[in-house]
N, C-alpha and C. Protein backbone atom coordinates (compact mmCIF):
# COMPACT_ATOMS: atom_id res chain seq x y z
N UNK A 1 18.51 -5.41 -33.24
CA UNK A 1 19.04 -5.66 -31.92
C UNK A 1 17.90 -5.55 -30.90
N UNK A 2 17.88 -6.48 -29.96
CA UNK A 2 16.86 -6.50 -28.90
C UNK A 2 17.50 -5.98 -27.61
N UNK A 3 16.95 -4.91 -27.07
CA UNK A 3 17.45 -4.36 -25.81
C UNK A 3 16.29 -4.27 -24.83
N UNK A 4 16.42 -4.98 -23.71
CA UNK A 4 15.34 -5.07 -22.75
C UNK A 4 15.79 -4.61 -21.37
N UNK A 5 14.86 -4.03 -20.63
CA UNK A 5 15.05 -3.78 -19.21
C UNK A 5 14.07 -4.68 -18.49
N UNK A 6 14.58 -5.51 -17.59
CA UNK A 6 13.70 -6.30 -16.73
C UNK A 6 13.68 -5.60 -15.39
N UNK A 7 12.47 -5.26 -14.96
CA UNK A 7 12.27 -4.35 -13.85
C UNK A 7 11.45 -5.02 -12.76
N UNK A 8 11.64 -4.59 -11.54
CA UNK A 8 10.83 -5.10 -10.44
C UNK A 8 11.57 -4.95 -9.13
N UNK A 9 10.84 -5.15 -8.03
CA UNK A 9 11.46 -5.00 -6.71
C UNK A 9 12.46 -6.10 -6.42
N UNK A 10 13.31 -5.92 -5.40
CA UNK A 10 14.22 -6.99 -5.01
C UNK A 10 13.42 -8.24 -4.68
N UNK A 11 13.87 -9.38 -5.16
CA UNK A 11 13.18 -10.63 -4.87
C UNK A 11 12.03 -10.95 -5.81
N UNK A 12 11.86 -10.15 -6.88
CA UNK A 12 10.73 -10.37 -7.79
C UNK A 12 11.01 -11.45 -8.83
N UNK A 13 12.27 -11.91 -8.90
CA UNK A 13 12.61 -12.95 -9.87
C UNK A 13 13.32 -12.43 -11.11
N UNK A 14 13.79 -11.18 -11.05
CA UNK A 14 14.45 -10.59 -12.22
C UNK A 14 15.65 -11.41 -12.68
N UNK A 15 16.51 -11.80 -11.75
CA UNK A 15 17.72 -12.53 -12.12
C UNK A 15 17.40 -13.85 -12.79
N UNK A 16 16.45 -14.59 -12.23
CA UNK A 16 16.05 -15.89 -12.79
C UNK A 16 15.49 -15.72 -14.19
N UNK A 17 14.56 -14.78 -14.34
CA UNK A 17 13.91 -14.60 -15.64
C UNK A 17 14.86 -13.96 -16.66
N UNK A 18 15.73 -13.05 -16.21
CA UNK A 18 16.67 -12.41 -17.14
C UNK A 18 17.61 -13.45 -17.74
N UNK A 19 18.07 -14.41 -16.93
CA UNK A 19 18.96 -15.46 -17.44
C UNK A 19 18.24 -16.30 -18.48
N UNK A 20 16.98 -16.63 -18.23
CA UNK A 20 16.21 -17.44 -19.19
C UNK A 20 15.94 -16.66 -20.49
N UNK A 21 15.61 -15.37 -20.35
CA UNK A 21 15.36 -14.55 -21.53
C UNK A 21 16.63 -14.35 -22.34
N UNK A 22 17.76 -14.21 -21.66
CA UNK A 22 19.04 -14.07 -22.36
C UNK A 22 19.30 -15.30 -23.20
N UNK A 23 19.03 -16.48 -22.66
CA UNK A 23 19.21 -17.72 -23.43
C UNK A 23 18.24 -17.79 -24.60
N UNK A 24 16.98 -17.49 -24.36
CA UNK A 24 15.94 -17.60 -25.38
C UNK A 24 16.21 -16.67 -26.58
N UNK A 25 16.57 -15.44 -26.29
CA UNK A 25 16.74 -14.44 -27.36
C UNK A 25 18.21 -14.18 -27.72
N UNK A 26 19.11 -14.97 -27.14
CA UNK A 26 20.54 -14.82 -27.40
C UNK A 26 21.03 -13.41 -27.06
N UNK A 27 20.73 -13.00 -25.84
CA UNK A 27 21.10 -11.66 -25.37
C UNK A 27 22.21 -11.76 -24.34
N UNK A 28 22.93 -10.67 -24.17
CA UNK A 28 23.92 -10.57 -23.10
C UNK A 28 23.19 -10.02 -21.87
N UNK A 29 23.24 -10.78 -20.78
CA UNK A 29 22.59 -10.39 -19.52
C UNK A 29 23.54 -9.46 -18.76
N UNK A 30 23.10 -8.25 -18.52
CA UNK A 30 23.92 -7.30 -17.77
C UNK A 30 23.25 -7.02 -16.44
N UNK A 31 23.80 -7.62 -15.39
CA UNK A 31 23.37 -7.36 -14.02
C UNK A 31 24.35 -6.33 -13.46
N UNK A 32 23.83 -5.22 -12.96
CA UNK A 32 24.75 -4.19 -12.47
C UNK A 32 25.56 -4.70 -11.29
N UNK A 33 24.98 -5.56 -10.47
CA UNK A 33 25.75 -6.13 -9.36
C UNK A 33 26.94 -6.92 -9.86
N UNK A 34 26.70 -7.79 -10.86
CA UNK A 34 27.79 -8.58 -11.45
C UNK A 34 28.81 -7.67 -12.13
N UNK A 35 28.32 -6.63 -12.77
CA UNK A 35 29.18 -5.69 -13.48
C UNK A 35 30.15 -5.00 -12.50
N UNK A 36 29.62 -4.55 -11.38
CA UNK A 36 30.47 -3.91 -10.37
C UNK A 36 31.51 -4.90 -9.85
N UNK A 37 31.06 -6.14 -9.55
CA UNK A 37 32.00 -7.15 -9.03
C UNK A 37 33.11 -7.42 -10.05
N UNK A 38 32.77 -7.49 -11.34
CA UNK A 38 33.76 -7.72 -12.39
C UNK A 38 34.79 -6.58 -12.43
N UNK A 39 34.29 -5.36 -12.48
CA UNK A 39 35.18 -4.20 -12.59
C UNK A 39 36.08 -4.07 -11.36
N UNK A 40 35.51 -4.33 -10.17
CA UNK A 40 36.29 -4.23 -8.94
C UNK A 40 37.33 -5.34 -8.84
N UNK A 41 36.90 -6.59 -9.11
CA UNK A 41 37.84 -7.72 -8.94
C UNK A 41 38.94 -7.70 -9.98
N UNK A 42 38.67 -7.15 -11.16
CA UNK A 42 39.70 -7.07 -12.20
C UNK A 42 40.50 -5.77 -12.11
N UNK A 43 40.17 -4.96 -11.11
CA UNK A 43 40.87 -3.71 -10.86
C UNK A 43 41.04 -2.86 -12.13
N UNK A 44 39.93 -2.78 -12.90
CA UNK A 44 39.94 -1.92 -14.08
C UNK A 44 39.96 -0.47 -13.63
N UNK A 45 40.23 0.44 -14.56
CA UNK A 45 40.21 1.87 -14.21
C UNK A 45 38.83 2.26 -13.67
N UNK A 46 37.76 1.75 -14.32
CA UNK A 46 36.41 2.07 -13.83
C UNK A 46 36.18 1.46 -12.46
N UNK A 47 36.69 0.24 -12.24
CA UNK A 47 36.56 -0.41 -10.94
C UNK A 47 37.26 0.38 -9.84
N UNK A 48 38.46 0.86 -10.14
CA UNK A 48 39.21 1.66 -9.16
C UNK A 48 38.48 2.96 -8.86
N UNK A 49 37.91 3.57 -9.90
CA UNK A 49 37.17 4.81 -9.71
C UNK A 49 35.93 4.56 -8.84
N UNK A 50 35.19 3.49 -9.14
CA UNK A 50 34.01 3.15 -8.34
C UNK A 50 34.40 2.89 -6.89
N UNK A 51 35.50 2.16 -6.70
CA UNK A 51 35.96 1.81 -5.35
C UNK A 51 36.31 3.07 -4.55
N UNK A 52 36.85 4.08 -5.23
CA UNK A 52 37.21 5.31 -4.52
C UNK A 52 35.97 5.98 -3.92
N UNK A 53 34.84 5.89 -4.60
CA UNK A 53 33.59 6.44 -4.06
C UNK A 53 33.05 5.54 -2.95
N UNK A 54 33.07 4.23 -3.20
CA UNK A 54 32.53 3.27 -2.24
C UNK A 54 33.31 3.31 -0.93
N UNK A 55 34.63 3.47 -1.02
CA UNK A 55 35.47 3.52 0.18
C UNK A 55 35.14 4.73 1.06
N UNK A 56 34.57 5.75 0.45
CA UNK A 56 34.18 6.94 1.20
C UNK A 56 32.71 6.88 1.63
N UNK A 57 32.06 5.74 1.35
CA UNK A 57 30.66 5.58 1.72
C UNK A 57 29.71 6.33 0.82
N UNK A 58 30.18 6.70 -0.37
CA UNK A 58 29.36 7.45 -1.31
C UNK A 58 28.80 6.53 -2.38
N UNK A 59 27.69 6.95 -2.99
CA UNK A 59 27.16 6.23 -4.13
C UNK A 59 28.06 6.45 -5.33
N UNK A 60 28.20 5.44 -6.14
CA UNK A 60 28.99 5.58 -7.37
C UNK A 60 28.18 6.45 -8.33
N UNK A 61 28.77 7.52 -8.87
CA UNK A 61 28.02 8.39 -9.78
C UNK A 61 27.51 7.63 -11.01
N UNK A 62 26.36 8.08 -11.50
CA UNK A 62 25.74 7.44 -12.66
C UNK A 62 26.69 7.37 -13.85
N UNK A 63 27.49 8.41 -14.03
CA UNK A 63 28.41 8.44 -15.18
C UNK A 63 29.36 7.24 -15.15
N UNK A 64 29.83 6.88 -13.95
CA UNK A 64 30.75 5.74 -13.82
C UNK A 64 30.01 4.43 -14.14
N UNK A 65 28.80 4.30 -13.60
CA UNK A 65 28.01 3.10 -13.86
C UNK A 65 27.69 2.96 -15.35
N UNK A 66 27.31 4.06 -15.98
CA UNK A 66 26.99 4.03 -17.41
C UNK A 66 28.23 3.66 -18.22
N UNK A 67 29.39 4.16 -17.82
CA UNK A 67 30.62 3.80 -18.52
C UNK A 67 30.94 2.32 -18.35
N UNK A 68 30.60 1.75 -17.19
CA UNK A 68 30.77 0.30 -17.00
C UNK A 68 29.83 -0.47 -17.94
N UNK A 69 28.60 0.01 -18.07
CA UNK A 69 27.65 -0.62 -19.01
C UNK A 69 28.19 -0.57 -20.43
N UNK A 70 28.67 0.61 -20.81
CA UNK A 70 29.20 0.79 -22.16
C UNK A 70 30.38 -0.14 -22.40
N UNK A 71 31.27 -0.24 -21.43
CA UNK A 71 32.43 -1.12 -21.54
C UNK A 71 32.00 -2.57 -21.75
N UNK A 72 31.01 -3.01 -20.98
CA UNK A 72 30.48 -4.38 -21.11
C UNK A 72 29.86 -4.58 -22.50
N UNK A 73 29.09 -3.61 -22.95
CA UNK A 73 28.45 -3.72 -24.27
C UNK A 73 29.50 -3.78 -25.37
N UNK A 74 30.56 -2.98 -25.25
CA UNK A 74 31.60 -2.97 -26.28
C UNK A 74 32.39 -4.28 -26.31
N UNK A 75 32.40 -5.01 -25.18
CA UNK A 75 33.07 -6.32 -25.17
C UNK A 75 32.26 -7.38 -25.92
N UNK A 76 31.04 -7.03 -26.35
CA UNK A 76 30.16 -7.97 -27.06
C UNK A 76 29.65 -7.33 -28.35
N UNK A 77 30.56 -7.03 -29.30
CA UNK A 77 30.15 -6.31 -30.50
C UNK A 77 29.18 -7.09 -31.40
N UNK A 78 29.17 -8.41 -31.27
CA UNK A 78 28.30 -9.22 -32.13
C UNK A 78 27.03 -9.67 -31.41
N UNK A 79 26.73 -9.06 -30.28
CA UNK A 79 25.56 -9.46 -29.50
C UNK A 79 24.27 -9.21 -30.27
N UNK A 80 23.30 -10.09 -30.03
CA UNK A 80 21.96 -9.92 -30.59
C UNK A 80 21.20 -8.83 -29.83
N UNK A 81 21.75 -8.44 -28.68
CA UNK A 81 21.13 -7.43 -27.84
C UNK A 81 21.50 -7.64 -26.39
N UNK A 82 20.87 -6.86 -25.52
CA UNK A 82 21.21 -6.87 -24.10
C UNK A 82 19.96 -6.87 -23.25
N UNK A 83 20.07 -7.49 -22.09
CA UNK A 83 18.99 -7.41 -21.10
C UNK A 83 19.59 -6.80 -19.84
N UNK A 84 19.02 -5.69 -19.41
CA UNK A 84 19.51 -4.94 -18.27
C UNK A 84 18.72 -5.33 -17.03
N UNK A 85 19.43 -5.79 -16.01
CA UNK A 85 18.84 -6.28 -14.77
C UNK A 85 19.44 -5.46 -13.63
N UNK A 86 18.60 -4.63 -12.99
CA UNK A 86 19.09 -3.79 -11.89
C UNK A 86 19.49 -2.39 -12.33
N UNK A 87 19.21 -2.06 -13.55
CA UNK A 87 19.52 -0.74 -14.09
C UNK A 87 18.53 -0.45 -15.20
N UNK A 88 17.99 0.75 -15.26
CA UNK A 88 18.21 1.92 -14.43
C UNK A 88 17.34 1.91 -13.17
N UNK A 89 17.83 2.61 -12.15
CA UNK A 89 17.09 2.72 -10.88
C UNK A 89 16.56 4.12 -10.62
N UNK A 90 17.02 5.07 -11.43
CA UNK A 90 16.57 6.46 -11.27
C UNK A 90 16.27 7.01 -12.67
N UNK A 91 15.53 8.10 -12.71
CA UNK A 91 15.22 8.72 -14.01
C UNK A 91 16.49 9.24 -14.70
N UNK A 92 17.44 9.87 -13.98
CA UNK A 92 18.68 10.24 -14.67
C UNK A 92 19.40 9.02 -15.27
N UNK A 93 19.37 7.88 -14.58
CA UNK A 93 19.98 6.67 -15.14
C UNK A 93 19.20 6.21 -16.38
N UNK A 94 17.88 6.33 -16.35
CA UNK A 94 17.06 5.96 -17.52
C UNK A 94 17.42 6.83 -18.72
N UNK A 95 17.55 8.12 -18.47
CA UNK A 95 17.92 9.04 -19.54
C UNK A 95 19.32 8.73 -20.07
N UNK A 96 20.24 8.38 -19.16
CA UNK A 96 21.60 8.03 -19.56
C UNK A 96 21.62 6.75 -20.38
N UNK A 97 20.78 5.78 -20.02
CA UNK A 97 20.72 4.53 -20.79
C UNK A 97 20.19 4.78 -22.20
N UNK A 98 19.16 5.60 -22.31
CA UNK A 98 18.62 5.94 -23.64
C UNK A 98 19.70 6.60 -24.49
N UNK A 99 20.45 7.52 -23.89
CA UNK A 99 21.53 8.21 -24.62
C UNK A 99 22.63 7.23 -25.01
N UNK A 100 22.98 6.30 -24.11
CA UNK A 100 24.01 5.30 -24.41
C UNK A 100 23.58 4.43 -25.58
N UNK A 101 22.35 3.94 -25.54
CA UNK A 101 21.86 3.10 -26.64
C UNK A 101 21.87 3.88 -27.96
N UNK A 102 21.46 5.14 -27.90
CA UNK A 102 21.47 5.98 -29.11
C UNK A 102 22.90 6.14 -29.64
N UNK A 103 23.86 6.39 -28.73
CA UNK A 103 25.27 6.52 -29.13
C UNK A 103 25.77 5.24 -29.81
N UNK A 104 25.18 4.11 -29.42
CA UNK A 104 25.61 2.82 -29.99
C UNK A 104 24.71 2.41 -31.16
N UNK A 105 23.97 3.39 -31.70
CA UNK A 105 23.10 3.19 -32.87
C UNK A 105 22.06 2.10 -32.66
N UNK A 106 21.47 2.07 -31.48
CA UNK A 106 20.39 1.14 -31.20
C UNK A 106 19.41 1.84 -30.26
N UNK A 107 18.39 1.12 -29.81
CA UNK A 107 17.40 1.72 -28.92
C UNK A 107 16.79 0.64 -28.03
N UNK A 108 15.98 1.08 -27.10
CA UNK A 108 15.31 0.16 -26.19
C UNK A 108 14.14 -0.51 -26.90
N UNK A 109 14.05 -1.82 -26.77
CA UNK A 109 12.93 -2.56 -27.34
C UNK A 109 11.74 -2.51 -26.41
N UNK A 110 11.98 -2.79 -25.13
CA UNK A 110 10.90 -2.79 -24.15
C UNK A 110 11.45 -2.81 -22.74
N UNK A 111 10.62 -2.32 -21.83
CA UNK A 111 10.88 -2.45 -20.40
C UNK A 111 9.70 -3.20 -19.82
N UNK A 112 9.99 -4.30 -19.14
CA UNK A 112 8.92 -5.11 -18.57
C UNK A 112 9.15 -5.26 -17.07
N UNK A 113 8.11 -4.95 -16.32
CA UNK A 113 8.18 -5.04 -14.86
C UNK A 113 7.51 -6.32 -14.38
N UNK A 114 8.14 -6.95 -13.41
CA UNK A 114 7.53 -8.08 -12.72
C UNK A 114 6.78 -7.52 -11.51
N UNK A 115 5.47 -7.66 -11.51
CA UNK A 115 4.63 -7.14 -10.42
C UNK A 115 4.51 -8.19 -9.32
N UNK A 116 5.04 -7.86 -8.15
CA UNK A 116 4.97 -8.76 -6.99
C UNK A 116 4.70 -7.89 -5.77
N UNK A 117 3.70 -8.27 -4.95
CA UNK A 117 3.36 -7.44 -3.80
C UNK A 117 4.37 -7.62 -2.66
N UNK A 118 4.32 -6.69 -1.73
CA UNK A 118 5.31 -6.61 -0.66
C UNK A 118 5.38 -7.88 0.19
N UNK A 119 4.23 -8.42 0.59
CA UNK A 119 4.26 -9.61 1.45
C UNK A 119 4.89 -10.81 0.74
N UNK A 120 4.64 -10.95 -0.56
CA UNK A 120 5.26 -12.04 -1.32
C UNK A 120 6.77 -11.82 -1.42
N UNK A 121 7.19 -10.57 -1.60
CA UNK A 121 8.62 -10.24 -1.65
C UNK A 121 9.29 -10.63 -0.34
N UNK A 122 8.67 -10.28 0.78
CA UNK A 122 9.22 -10.61 2.09
C UNK A 122 9.38 -12.13 2.21
N UNK A 123 8.34 -12.86 1.84
CA UNK A 123 8.37 -14.32 1.92
C UNK A 123 9.51 -14.89 1.05
N UNK A 124 9.62 -14.41 -0.17
CA UNK A 124 10.66 -14.91 -1.09
C UNK A 124 12.07 -14.62 -0.57
N UNK A 125 12.29 -13.40 -0.13
CA UNK A 125 13.64 -13.03 0.29
C UNK A 125 14.02 -13.77 1.57
N UNK A 126 13.07 -13.96 2.47
CA UNK A 126 13.37 -14.71 3.70
C UNK A 126 13.69 -16.17 3.35
N UNK A 127 12.99 -16.74 2.37
CA UNK A 127 13.30 -18.10 1.92
C UNK A 127 14.69 -18.14 1.31
N UNK A 128 15.00 -17.13 0.47
CA UNK A 128 16.33 -17.05 -0.13
C UNK A 128 17.38 -16.91 0.96
N UNK A 129 17.05 -16.18 2.02
CA UNK A 129 17.97 -15.95 3.12
C UNK A 129 18.40 -17.21 3.84
N UNK A 130 17.59 -18.26 3.72
CA UNK A 130 17.95 -19.53 4.36
C UNK A 130 19.20 -20.14 3.74
N UNK A 131 19.49 -19.78 2.50
CA UNK A 131 20.67 -20.35 1.81
C UNK A 131 21.66 -19.29 1.33
N UNK A 132 21.24 -18.01 1.26
CA UNK A 132 22.12 -16.98 0.68
C UNK A 132 23.27 -16.59 1.60
N UNK A 133 23.08 -16.75 2.90
CA UNK A 133 24.10 -16.33 3.83
C UNK A 133 24.12 -14.82 4.06
N UNK A 134 23.20 -14.10 3.44
CA UNK A 134 23.13 -12.65 3.61
C UNK A 134 22.22 -12.32 4.80
N UNK A 135 22.78 -11.63 5.78
CA UNK A 135 22.00 -11.28 6.97
C UNK A 135 20.78 -10.43 6.62
N UNK A 136 20.94 -9.53 5.62
CA UNK A 136 19.83 -8.66 5.25
C UNK A 136 18.67 -9.43 4.61
N UNK A 137 18.92 -10.66 4.13
CA UNK A 137 17.86 -11.48 3.56
C UNK A 137 17.03 -12.17 4.65
N UNK A 138 17.47 -12.09 5.90
CA UNK A 138 16.74 -12.72 7.00
C UNK A 138 16.03 -11.71 7.90
N UNK A 139 16.22 -10.44 7.66
CA UNK A 139 15.65 -9.39 8.51
C UNK A 139 14.45 -8.74 7.81
N UNK A 140 13.25 -9.04 8.31
CA UNK A 140 12.04 -8.54 7.66
C UNK A 140 11.99 -7.02 7.61
N UNK A 141 12.51 -6.36 8.64
CA UNK A 141 12.52 -4.89 8.66
C UNK A 141 13.36 -4.35 7.50
N UNK A 142 14.51 -4.95 7.29
CA UNK A 142 15.39 -4.51 6.19
C UNK A 142 14.74 -4.82 4.84
N UNK A 143 14.12 -5.99 4.72
CA UNK A 143 13.46 -6.36 3.46
C UNK A 143 12.36 -5.36 3.14
N UNK A 144 11.54 -5.03 4.13
CA UNK A 144 10.44 -4.08 3.90
C UNK A 144 10.99 -2.69 3.57
N UNK A 145 12.11 -2.32 4.17
CA UNK A 145 12.75 -1.03 3.88
C UNK A 145 13.24 -1.01 2.42
N UNK A 146 13.83 -2.12 1.96
CA UNK A 146 14.28 -2.19 0.57
C UNK A 146 13.11 -2.07 -0.39
N UNK A 147 11.97 -2.68 -0.03
CA UNK A 147 10.77 -2.59 -0.87
C UNK A 147 10.27 -1.15 -0.90
N UNK A 148 10.30 -0.48 0.25
CA UNK A 148 9.86 0.92 0.34
C UNK A 148 10.74 1.82 -0.52
N UNK A 149 12.06 1.60 -0.46
CA UNK A 149 12.99 2.36 -1.29
C UNK A 149 12.67 2.14 -2.77
N UNK A 150 12.41 0.89 -3.13
CA UNK A 150 12.04 0.57 -4.52
C UNK A 150 10.80 1.37 -4.93
N UNK A 151 9.76 1.31 -4.10
CA UNK A 151 8.50 2.00 -4.44
C UNK A 151 8.71 3.50 -4.59
N UNK A 152 9.46 4.09 -3.67
CA UNK A 152 9.60 5.55 -3.67
C UNK A 152 10.62 6.07 -4.66
N UNK A 153 11.72 5.34 -4.85
CA UNK A 153 12.82 5.87 -5.65
C UNK A 153 12.94 5.23 -7.03
N UNK A 154 12.55 3.96 -7.14
CA UNK A 154 12.77 3.26 -8.39
C UNK A 154 11.50 3.14 -9.23
N UNK A 155 10.35 3.00 -8.60
CA UNK A 155 9.08 2.87 -9.33
C UNK A 155 8.85 4.01 -10.33
N UNK A 156 9.26 5.26 -10.03
CA UNK A 156 9.07 6.33 -11.03
C UNK A 156 9.75 6.04 -12.37
N UNK A 157 10.77 5.19 -12.39
CA UNK A 157 11.43 4.83 -13.64
C UNK A 157 10.45 4.08 -14.56
N UNK A 158 9.60 3.24 -13.96
CA UNK A 158 8.58 2.54 -14.76
C UNK A 158 7.65 3.55 -15.42
N UNK A 159 7.21 4.53 -14.65
CA UNK A 159 6.31 5.56 -15.18
C UNK A 159 6.99 6.37 -16.28
N UNK A 160 8.29 6.62 -16.13
CA UNK A 160 9.06 7.33 -17.15
C UNK A 160 8.99 6.58 -18.49
N UNK A 161 9.27 5.27 -18.46
CA UNK A 161 9.23 4.48 -19.69
C UNK A 161 7.80 4.25 -20.18
N UNK A 162 6.86 4.22 -19.24
CA UNK A 162 5.45 4.08 -19.63
C UNK A 162 5.03 5.30 -20.44
N UNK A 163 5.47 6.49 -20.02
CA UNK A 163 5.15 7.71 -20.75
C UNK A 163 5.77 7.72 -22.15
N UNK A 164 6.85 6.94 -22.33
CA UNK A 164 7.47 6.82 -23.65
C UNK A 164 6.84 5.70 -24.47
N UNK A 165 5.86 5.01 -23.88
CA UNK A 165 5.18 3.90 -24.58
C UNK A 165 6.01 2.64 -24.64
N UNK A 166 7.00 2.49 -23.74
CA UNK A 166 7.90 1.35 -23.81
C UNK A 166 7.78 0.40 -22.63
N UNK A 167 6.91 0.68 -21.66
CA UNK A 167 6.84 -0.13 -20.45
C UNK A 167 5.53 -0.89 -20.34
N UNK A 168 5.64 -2.10 -19.85
CA UNK A 168 4.46 -2.90 -19.52
C UNK A 168 4.83 -3.78 -18.33
N UNK A 169 3.86 -4.47 -17.79
CA UNK A 169 4.15 -5.32 -16.64
C UNK A 169 3.46 -6.67 -16.79
N UNK A 170 4.00 -7.64 -16.08
CA UNK A 170 3.38 -8.97 -16.01
C UNK A 170 3.33 -9.37 -14.54
N UNK A 171 2.41 -10.25 -14.24
CA UNK A 171 2.29 -10.76 -12.88
C UNK A 171 3.51 -11.63 -12.60
N UNK A 172 4.26 -11.27 -11.57
CA UNK A 172 5.47 -12.00 -11.22
C UNK A 172 5.26 -13.07 -10.16
N UNK A 173 3.99 -13.41 -9.89
CA UNK A 173 3.68 -14.43 -8.90
C UNK A 173 3.08 -15.63 -9.62
N UNK A 174 3.58 -16.80 -9.27
CA UNK A 174 3.05 -18.02 -9.87
C UNK A 174 4.16 -18.91 -10.37
N UNK A 175 3.80 -19.77 -11.29
CA UNK A 175 4.75 -20.72 -11.86
C UNK A 175 5.81 -19.99 -12.68
N UNK A 176 7.07 -20.36 -12.47
CA UNK A 176 8.19 -19.71 -13.14
C UNK A 176 8.04 -19.80 -14.66
N UNK A 177 7.58 -20.94 -15.17
CA UNK A 177 7.42 -21.11 -16.61
C UNK A 177 6.28 -20.26 -17.16
N UNK A 178 5.20 -20.10 -16.39
CA UNK A 178 4.10 -19.25 -16.84
C UNK A 178 4.54 -17.79 -16.90
N UNK A 179 5.30 -17.37 -15.91
CA UNK A 179 5.82 -15.99 -15.90
C UNK A 179 6.74 -15.79 -17.09
N UNK A 180 7.59 -16.78 -17.37
CA UNK A 180 8.49 -16.71 -18.52
C UNK A 180 7.68 -16.60 -19.82
N UNK A 181 6.62 -17.36 -19.93
CA UNK A 181 5.75 -17.30 -21.12
C UNK A 181 5.12 -15.92 -21.28
N UNK A 182 4.69 -15.34 -20.17
CA UNK A 182 4.09 -14.00 -20.23
C UNK A 182 5.13 -12.96 -20.67
N UNK A 183 6.35 -13.10 -20.17
CA UNK A 183 7.43 -12.19 -20.57
C UNK A 183 7.73 -12.33 -22.06
N UNK A 184 7.81 -13.56 -22.55
CA UNK A 184 8.08 -13.76 -23.98
C UNK A 184 6.97 -13.15 -24.84
N UNK A 185 5.72 -13.29 -24.40
CA UNK A 185 4.61 -12.72 -25.16
C UNK A 185 4.75 -11.20 -25.26
N UNK A 186 5.13 -10.55 -24.15
CA UNK A 186 5.32 -9.09 -24.16
C UNK A 186 6.48 -8.69 -25.08
N UNK A 187 7.55 -9.45 -25.02
CA UNK A 187 8.72 -9.14 -25.86
C UNK A 187 8.37 -9.32 -27.33
N UNK A 188 7.69 -10.41 -27.65
CA UNK A 188 7.31 -10.66 -29.04
C UNK A 188 6.39 -9.57 -29.57
N UNK A 189 5.48 -9.08 -28.71
CA UNK A 189 4.60 -7.97 -29.13
C UNK A 189 5.43 -6.71 -29.39
N UNK A 190 6.41 -6.45 -28.53
CA UNK A 190 7.26 -5.27 -28.72
C UNK A 190 8.06 -5.40 -30.02
N UNK A 191 8.53 -6.61 -30.32
CA UNK A 191 9.30 -6.83 -31.55
C UNK A 191 8.41 -6.66 -32.78
N UNK A 192 7.15 -7.06 -32.68
CA UNK A 192 6.22 -6.90 -33.80
C UNK A 192 5.98 -5.43 -34.13
N UNK A 193 6.12 -4.56 -33.11
CA UNK A 193 5.88 -3.12 -33.32
C UNK A 193 7.07 -2.45 -34.00
N UNK A 194 8.23 -3.11 -33.99
CA UNK A 194 9.44 -2.48 -34.56
C UNK A 194 9.41 -2.48 -36.08
């Protein structure tokens, strides 16, 4: 089973590349944003629980998010593996993901980060904002704040997996196909080590 984390700041191309990698390696793409929307719109027990926190302006506890991941994984018992996009964002979430994979008799194959500098992120998100309809995609101050949050709160997750020998990065700037090729090379190297 191939289990990947695609990592990087908002606007780094994770969604685009995760979809392509899911097709290439026959993986189930798990975007936490999509997962939350599914659970909420279908009014599942987990969705209702998450909504109760969100309605109070609180963050959804990691345990609830991990249970949503587990539920999604269990809906795909014959999957060749999973690609996680947008999760984990904190070290406790990283530890919870490792435990979840272990409980499901599998493990992480690799975590790959898309390296994109702040000015490029701003440019990309503002371009996306021209069609996304999201006000926060048009406000440079908000975009830079999201990048700062990523650097301070989420970047340590990369170091966590790096210390486990499971993390590497590729340049996320340039031709989409070249970036995809670099990602495949990293994944193939990780598979060769198994």
